[in-house]
Amino acid sequence: MPEAGDTVRTVASRTARELGLELKIAYEVRSISAMKSLVSRGAASSILPYFSVLDEVQSGKLDARPIIMPSLRRTLFLASSKQSGPFRNEAGLTGAVRASLQGLLDALGPLAHPLWVRTA
């Protein structure tokens, strides 16, 4: 598992507690590449963002299954100052983020569950 404080670990730990379960963590690892290495050697299983292992899953090096009951979610935000208002090139940045997310959604296919809050 990622180290304490990592978003994926926080979501997994909170969900486990809500279900009255305890996570059994054999390894705390800082990087996704280190986690993938442990998994590919058969030393451990891990909870990872699917997109981070997509190439390995497609090539047959790793197997992945979605966690669906309960689902684990994380939401990212683009934050800016209320006082300053929109920052210079905000439209360009949000367009680039939207394009990147669309690529991610296309790669994830039916595993993706986007929550589009604002479309502008």
C-alpha atoms as a PDB file:
ATOM      1  CA  MET A   1       0.000   0.000   0.000  1.00  0.00           C
ATOM      2  CA  PRO A   2       1.067   3.575  -0.375  1.00  0.00           C
ATOM      3  CA  GLU A   3       2.355   5.318   2.710  1.00  0.00           C
ATOM      4  CA  ALA A   4      -0.026   6.861   5.244  1.00  0.00           C
ATOM      5  CA  GLY A   5      -1.371  10.147   3.917  1.00  0.00           C
ATOM      6  CA  ASP A   6      -1.643   8.949   0.302  1.00  0.00           C
ATOM      7  CA  THR A   7      -5.106   9.533  -1.164  1.00  0.00           C
ATOM      8  CA  VAL A   8      -5.649   5.917  -2.240  1.00  0.00           C
ATOM      9  CA  ARG A   9      -4.608   4.623   1.163  1.00  0.00           C
ATOM     10  CA  THR A  10      -6.801   7.160   2.953  1.00  0.00           C
ATOM     11  CA  VAL A  11      -9.861   6.170   0.908  1.00  0.00           C
ATOM     12  CA  ALA A  12      -9.178   2.438   1.348  1.00  0.00           C
ATOM     13  CA  SER A  13      -8.563   2.784   5.099  1.00  0.00           C
ATOM     14  CA  ARG A  14     -11.663   4.895   5.666  1.00  0.00           C
ATOM     15  CA  THR A  15     -13.845   2.471   3.691  1.00  0.00           C
ATOM     16  CA  ALA A  16     -12.425  -0.517   5.584  1.00  0.00           C
ATOM     17  CA  ARG A  17     -13.132   1.183   8.941  1.00  0.00           C
ATOM     18  CA  GLU A  18     -16.700   1.971   7.854  1.00  0.00           C
ATOM     19  CA  LEU A  19     -17.153  -1.741   7.121  1.00  0.00           C
ATOM     20  CA  GLY A  20     -15.599  -2.770  10.434  1.00  0.00           C
ATOM     21  CA  LEU A  21     -12.533  -4.201   8.687  1.00  0.00           C
ATOM     22  CA  GLU A  22      -8.826  -3.689   9.208  1.00  0.00           C
ATOM     23  CA  LEU A  23      -6.364  -3.392   6.344  1.00  0.00           C
ATOM     24  CA  LYS A  24      -3.446  -5.807   6.615  1.00  0.00           C
ATOM     25  CA  ILE A  25      -0.524  -3.914   5.131  1.00  0.00           C
ATOM     26  CA  ALA A  26       2.609  -5.956   4.505  1.00  0.00           C
ATOM     27  CA  TYR A  27       4.575  -3.220   2.694  1.00  0.00           C
ATOM     28  CA  GLU A  28       4.365   0.560   2.742  1.00  0.00           C
ATOM     29  CA  VAL A  29       5.748   1.864  -0.510  1.00  0.00           C
ATOM     30  CA  ARG A  30       6.254   5.429  -1.684  1.00  0.00           C
ATOM     31  CA  SER A  31       6.131   5.042  -5.469  1.00  0.00           C
ATOM     32  CA  ILE A  32       3.728   3.413  -7.894  1.00  0.00           C
ATOM     33  CA  SER A  33       6.637   1.834  -9.782  1.00  0.00           C
ATOM     34  CA  ALA A  34       7.811   0.147  -6.565  1.00  0.00           C
ATOM     35  CA  MET A  35       4.273  -1.124  -5.886  1.00  0.00           C
ATOM     36  CA  LYS A  36       4.004  -2.477  -9.428  1.00  0.00           C
ATOM     37  CA  SER A  37       7.367  -4.200  -8.996  1.00  0.00           C
ATOM     38  CA  LEU A  38       6.225  -5.945  -5.801  1.00  0.00           C
ATOM     39  CA  VAL A  39       2.981  -7.017  -7.464  1.00  0.00           C
ATOM     40  CA  SER A  40       4.672  -8.257 -10.653  1.00  0.00           C
ATOM     41  CA  ARG A  41       7.110 -10.366  -8.578  1.00  0.00           C
ATOM     42  CA  GLY A  42       4.182 -11.904  -6.709  1.00  0.00           C
ATOM     43  CA  ALA A  43       5.298 -10.473  -3.373  1.00  0.00           C
ATOM     44  CA  ALA A  44       2.045  -8.599  -2.763  1.00  0.00           C
ATOM     45  CA  SER A  45      -1.241  -7.370  -4.121  1.00  0.00           C
ATOM     46  CA  SER A  46      -2.071  -3.691  -4.086  1.00  0.00           C
ATOM     47  CA  ILE A  47      -4.788  -1.110  -4.573  1.00  0.00           C
ATOM     48  CA  LEU A  48      -3.681   1.155  -7.391  1.00  0.00           C
ATOM     49  CA  PRO A  49      -5.341   3.573  -9.800  1.00  0.00           C
ATOM     50  CA  TYR A  50      -6.194   1.469 -12.859  1.00  0.00           C
ATOM     51  CA  PHE A  51      -4.612   3.926 -15.251  1.00  0.00           C
ATOM     52  CA  SER A  52      -1.250   3.476 -13.478  1.00  0.00           C
ATOM     53  CA  VAL A  53      -1.234  -0.249 -14.397  1.00  0.00           C
ATOM     54  CA  LEU A  54      -3.109  -0.053 -17.696  1.00  0.00           C
ATOM     55  CA  ASP A  55      -0.077  -0.900 -19.864  1.00  0.00           C
ATOM     56  CA  GLU A  56       0.873  -3.865 -17.681  1.00  0.00           C
ATOM     57  CA  VAL A  57      -2.702  -5.179 -17.667  1.00  0.00           C
ATOM     58  CA  GLN A  58      -3.010  -4.831 -21.447  1.00  0.00           C
ATOM     59  CA  SER A  59       0.317  -6.620 -21.975  1.00  0.00           C
ATOM     60  CA  GLY A  60      -0.713  -9.446 -19.619  1.00  0.00           C
ATOM     61  CA  LYS A  61       1.985  -8.757 -16.996  1.00  0.00           C
ATOM     62  CA  LEU A  62      -0.559  -7.877 -14.300  1.00  0.00           C
ATOM     63  CA  ASP A  63      -4.155  -8.762 -13.583  1.00  0.00           C
ATOM     64  CA  ALA A  64      -6.558  -6.121 -12.284  1.00  0.00           C
ATOM     65  CA  ARG A  65     -10.091  -6.206 -10.983  1.00  0.00           C
ATOM     66  CA  PRO A  66     -12.218  -3.210 -10.093  1.00  0.00           C
ATOM     67  CA  ILE A  67     -13.289  -2.734  -6.506  1.00  0.00           C
ATOM     68  CA  ILE A  68     -17.028  -2.317  -6.884  1.00  0.00           C
ATOM     69  CA  MET A  69     -18.668  -3.235  -3.574  1.00  0.00           C
ATOM     70  CA  PRO A  70     -18.090  -0.801  -2.053  1.00  0.00           C
ATOM     71  CA  SER A  71     -16.616   1.404  -4.737  1.00  0.00           C
ATOM     72  CA  LEU A  72     -13.614   3.527  -3.826  1.00  0.00           C
ATOM     73  CA  ARG A  73     -13.642   7.058  -5.223  1.00  0.00           C
ATOM     74  CA  ARG A  74     -11.448  10.091  -5.102  1.00  0.00           C
ATOM     75  CA  THR A  75     -12.282  13.507  -6.448  1.00  0.00           C
ATOM     76  CA  LEU A  76      -9.759  16.061  -7.664  1.00  0.00           C
ATOM     77  CA  PHE A  77     -10.381  19.801  -7.620  1.00  0.00           C
ATOM     78  CA  LEU A  78      -8.891  22.748  -9.478  1.00  0.00           C
ATOM     79  CA  ALA A  79      -8.688  25.445  -6.815  1.00  0.00           C
ATOM     80  CA  SER A  80      -8.140  29.162  -7.264  1.00  0.00           C
ATOM     81  CA  SER A  81      -8.369  32.244  -5.076  1.00  0.00           C
ATOM     82  CA  LYS A  82     -11.791  33.852  -4.656  1.00  0.00           C
ATOM     83  CA  GLN A  83     -10.065  37.214  -4.272  1.00  0.00           C
ATOM     84  CA  SER A  84      -8.079  36.984  -7.491  1.00  0.00           C
ATOM     85  CA  GLY A  85     -10.800  35.389  -9.565  1.00  0.00           C
ATOM     86  CA  PRO A  86      -9.929  33.198 -12.541  1.00  0.00           C
ATOM     87  CA  PHE A  87      -6.189  33.039 -13.169  1.00  0.00           C
ATOM     88  CA  ARG A  88      -4.507  33.821 -16.444  1.00  0.00           C
ATOM     89  CA  ASN A  89      -4.862  30.898 -18.873  1.00  0.00           C
ATOM     90  CA  GLU A  90      -7.444  29.158 -16.670  1.00  0.00           C
ATOM     91  CA  ALA A  91      -9.493  28.316 -19.762  1.00  0.00           C
ATOM     92  CA  GLY A  92      -6.446  26.763 -21.431  1.00  0.00           C
ATOM     93  CA  LEU A  93      -5.578  24.745 -18.338  1.00  0.00           C
ATOM     94  CA  THR A  94      -9.114  23.485 -17.829  1.00  0.00           C
ATOM     95  CA  GLY A  95      -9.257  22.562 -21.531  1.00  0.00           C
ATOM     96  CA  ALA A  96      -6.020  20.581 -21.198  1.00  0.00           C
ATOM     97  CA  VAL A  97      -7.288  18.850 -18.047  1.00  0.00           C
ATOM     98  CA  ARG A  98     -10.575  18.006 -19.780  1.00  0.00           C
ATOM     99  CA  ALA A  99      -8.706  16.550 -22.781  1.00  0.00           C
ATOM    100  CA  SER A 100      -6.477  14.485 -20.477  1.00  0.00           C
ATOM    101  CA  LEU A 101      -9.495  13.221 -18.558  1.00  0.00           C
ATOM    102  CA  GLN A 102     -11.216  12.265 -21.794  1.00  0.00           C
ATOM    103  CA  GLY A 103      -8.143  10.228 -22.766  1.00  0.00           C
ATOM    104  CA  LEU A 104      -8.250   8.543 -19.365  1.00  0.00           C
ATOM    105  CA  LEU A 105     -11.967   7.819 -19.706  1.00  0.00           C
ATOM    106  CA  ASP A 106     -11.419   6.363 -23.173  1.00  0.00           C
ATOM    107  CA  ALA A 107      -8.642   4.109 -21.848  1.00  0.00           C
ATOM    108  CA  LEU A 108     -10.672   2.970 -18.839  1.00  0.00           C
ATOM    109  CA  GLY A 109     -13.768   2.221 -20.882  1.00  0.00           C
ATOM    110  CA  PRO A 110     -16.542   0.696 -18.771  1.00  0.00           C
ATOM    111  CA  LEU A 111     -14.419   0.942 -15.612  1.00  0.00           C
ATOM    112  CA  ALA A 112     -14.738   4.732 -15.634  1.00  0.00           C
ATOM    113  CA  HIS A 113     -17.433   6.464 -13.622  1.00  0.00           C
ATOM    114  CA  PRO A 114     -16.970  10.204 -14.203  1.00  0.00           C
ATOM    115  CA  LEU A 115     -18.795  12.720 -12.071  1.00  0.00           C
ATOM    116  CA  TRP A 116     -19.059  15.808 -14.256  1.00  0.00           C
ATOM    117  CA  VAL A 117     -20.049  18.645 -11.981  1.00  0.00           C
ATOM    118  CA  ARG A 118     -19.317  21.627 -14.191  1.00  0.00           C
ATOM    119  CA  THR A 119     -19.083  21.512 -17.979  1.00  0.00           C
ATOM    120  CA  ALA A 120     -17.976  25.092 -18.685  1.00  0.00           C
END
